[in-house]
Amino acid sequence: MIMAPLMATAAEATDMLRVGRSAVYRLIAARQRESIKIGRPQRASVDSIRHVAAQSAALCMWRAVWL
């Protein structure tokens, strides 16, 4: 059985969210995502990345309707 990853690096989060690396680090600094540090890289939970992506998609849909 293959398990899905629970944590992702900033580089992996940029691919998931389709944003730049600096935007991912700004989200981490603003505590918008749950993150931990293991060794040198900062890692974020995949669930929190998906939550941010869902919020972004909802905002884009809202803008498309109202603008």
C-alpha atoms as a PDB file:
ATOM      1  CA  MET A   1       0.000   0.000   0.000  1.00  0.00           C
ATOM      2  CA  ILE A   2       1.376   3.415  -0.993  1.00  0.00           C
ATOM      3  CA  MET A   3       0.604   6.264   1.374  1.00  0.00           C
ATOM      4  CA  ALA A   4       0.173   9.835   0.198  1.00  0.00           C
ATOM      5  CA  PRO A   5       2.729  12.255   1.645  1.00  0.00           C
ATOM      6  CA  LEU A   6       1.608  14.183   4.726  1.00  0.00           C
ATOM      7  CA  MET A   7       4.160  16.991   4.437  1.00  0.00           C
ATOM      8  CA  ALA A   8       5.561  18.926   1.472  1.00  0.00           C
ATOM      9  CA  THR A   9       8.572  21.181   1.022  1.00  0.00           C
ATOM     10  CA  ALA A  10       8.198  24.770  -0.166  1.00  0.00           C
ATOM     11  CA  ALA A  11       9.269  23.692  -3.658  1.00  0.00           C
ATOM     12  CA  GLU A  12       6.553  21.025  -3.747  1.00  0.00           C
ATOM     13  CA  ALA A  13       3.993  23.543  -2.418  1.00  0.00           C
ATOM     14  CA  THR A  14       4.848  25.955  -5.259  1.00  0.00           C
ATOM     15  CA  ASP A  15       3.953  23.224  -7.743  1.00  0.00           C
ATOM     16  CA  MET A  16       0.694  22.428  -5.937  1.00  0.00           C
ATOM     17  CA  LEU A  17      -0.407  26.057  -5.590  1.00  0.00           C
ATOM     18  CA  ARG A  18       1.083  27.322  -8.867  1.00  0.00           C
ATOM     19  CA  VAL A  19       2.669  30.305  -7.121  1.00  0.00           C
ATOM     20  CA  GLY A  20       6.242  31.440  -6.611  1.00  0.00           C
ATOM     21  CA  ARG A  21       8.472  30.268  -3.813  1.00  0.00           C
ATOM     22  CA  SER A  22       8.446  33.691  -2.142  1.00  0.00           C
ATOM     23  CA  ALA A  23       4.619  33.576  -1.983  1.00  0.00           C
ATOM     24  CA  VAL A  24       4.820  30.208  -0.210  1.00  0.00           C
ATOM     25  CA  TYR A  25       7.286  31.607   2.328  1.00  0.00           C
ATOM     26  CA  ARG A  26       5.027  34.658   2.871  1.00  0.00           C
ATOM     27  CA  LEU A  27       2.142  32.260   3.654  1.00  0.00           C
ATOM     28  CA  ILE A  28       4.373  30.428   6.126  1.00  0.00           C
ATOM     29  CA  ALA A  29       5.460  33.704   7.764  1.00  0.00           C
ATOM     30  CA  ALA A  30       1.838  34.882   8.007  1.00  0.00           C
ATOM     31  CA  ARG A  31       0.912  31.546   9.654  1.00  0.00           C
ATOM     32  CA  GLN A  32      -1.565  30.860   6.852  1.00  0.00           C
ATOM     33  CA  ARG A  33      -0.334  27.282   6.689  1.00  0.00           C
ATOM     34  CA  GLU A  34       0.704  24.766   9.295  1.00  0.00           C
ATOM     35  CA  SER A  35       4.420  24.197   8.934  1.00  0.00           C
ATOM     36  CA  ILE A  36       7.286  22.508  10.711  1.00  0.00           C
ATOM     37  CA  LYS A  37      11.011  22.513  10.220  1.00  0.00           C
ATOM     38  CA  ILE A  38      12.745  19.161   9.759  1.00  0.00           C
ATOM     39  CA  GLY A  39      16.441  19.721   9.271  1.00  0.00           C
ATOM     40  CA  ARG A  40      16.937  22.759   7.055  1.00  0.00           C
ATOM     41  CA  PRO A  41      13.808  22.713   4.868  1.00  0.00           C
ATOM     42  CA  GLN A  42      10.498  24.107   6.065  1.00  0.00           C
ATOM     43  CA  ARG A  43       7.665  21.668   5.433  1.00  0.00           C
ATOM     44  CA  ALA A  44       3.931  22.292   5.322  1.00  0.00           C
ATOM     45  CA  SER A  45       1.116  19.829   5.740  1.00  0.00           C
ATOM     46  CA  VAL A  46      -0.455  18.792   2.448  1.00  0.00           C
ATOM     47  CA  ASP A  47      -3.914  19.361   3.950  1.00  0.00           C
ATOM     48  CA  SER A  48      -3.116  23.003   4.706  1.00  0.00           C
ATOM     49  CA  ILE A  49      -1.764  23.477   1.161  1.00  0.00           C
ATOM     50  CA  ARG A  50      -4.993  22.047  -0.249  1.00  0.00           C
ATOM     51  CA  HIS A  51      -6.982  24.361   2.031  1.00  0.00           C
ATOM     52  CA  VAL A  52      -5.110  27.425   0.711  1.00  0.00           C
ATOM     53  CA  ALA A  53      -5.661  26.213  -2.866  1.00  0.00           C
ATOM     54  CA  ALA A  54      -9.402  25.811  -2.235  1.00  0.00           C
ATOM     55  CA  GLN A  55      -9.612  29.312  -0.736  1.00  0.00           C
ATOM     56  CA  SER A  56      -7.754  30.745  -3.742  1.00  0.00           C
ATOM     57  CA  ALA A  57     -10.057  28.962  -6.177  1.00  0.00           C
ATOM     58  CA  ALA A  58     -13.142  30.243  -4.355  1.00  0.00           C
ATOM     59  CA  LEU A  59     -11.770  33.798  -4.415  1.00  0.00           C
ATOM     60  CA  CYS A  60     -11.044  33.565  -8.154  1.00  0.00           C
ATOM     61  CA  MET A  61     -14.591  32.326  -8.803  1.00  0.00           C
ATOM     62  CA  TRP A  62     -16.041  35.135  -6.681  1.00  0.00           C
ATOM     63  CA  ARG A  63     -14.019  37.726  -8.599  1.00  0.00           C
ATOM     64  CA  ALA A  64     -15.137  36.297 -11.935  1.00  0.00           C
ATOM     65  CA  VAL A  65     -18.785  36.589 -10.900  1.00  0.00           C
ATOM     66  CA  TRP A  66     -18.642  40.057  -9.356  1.00  0.00           C
ATOM     67  CA  LEU A  67     -16.116  41.824 -11.600  1.00  0.00           C
END
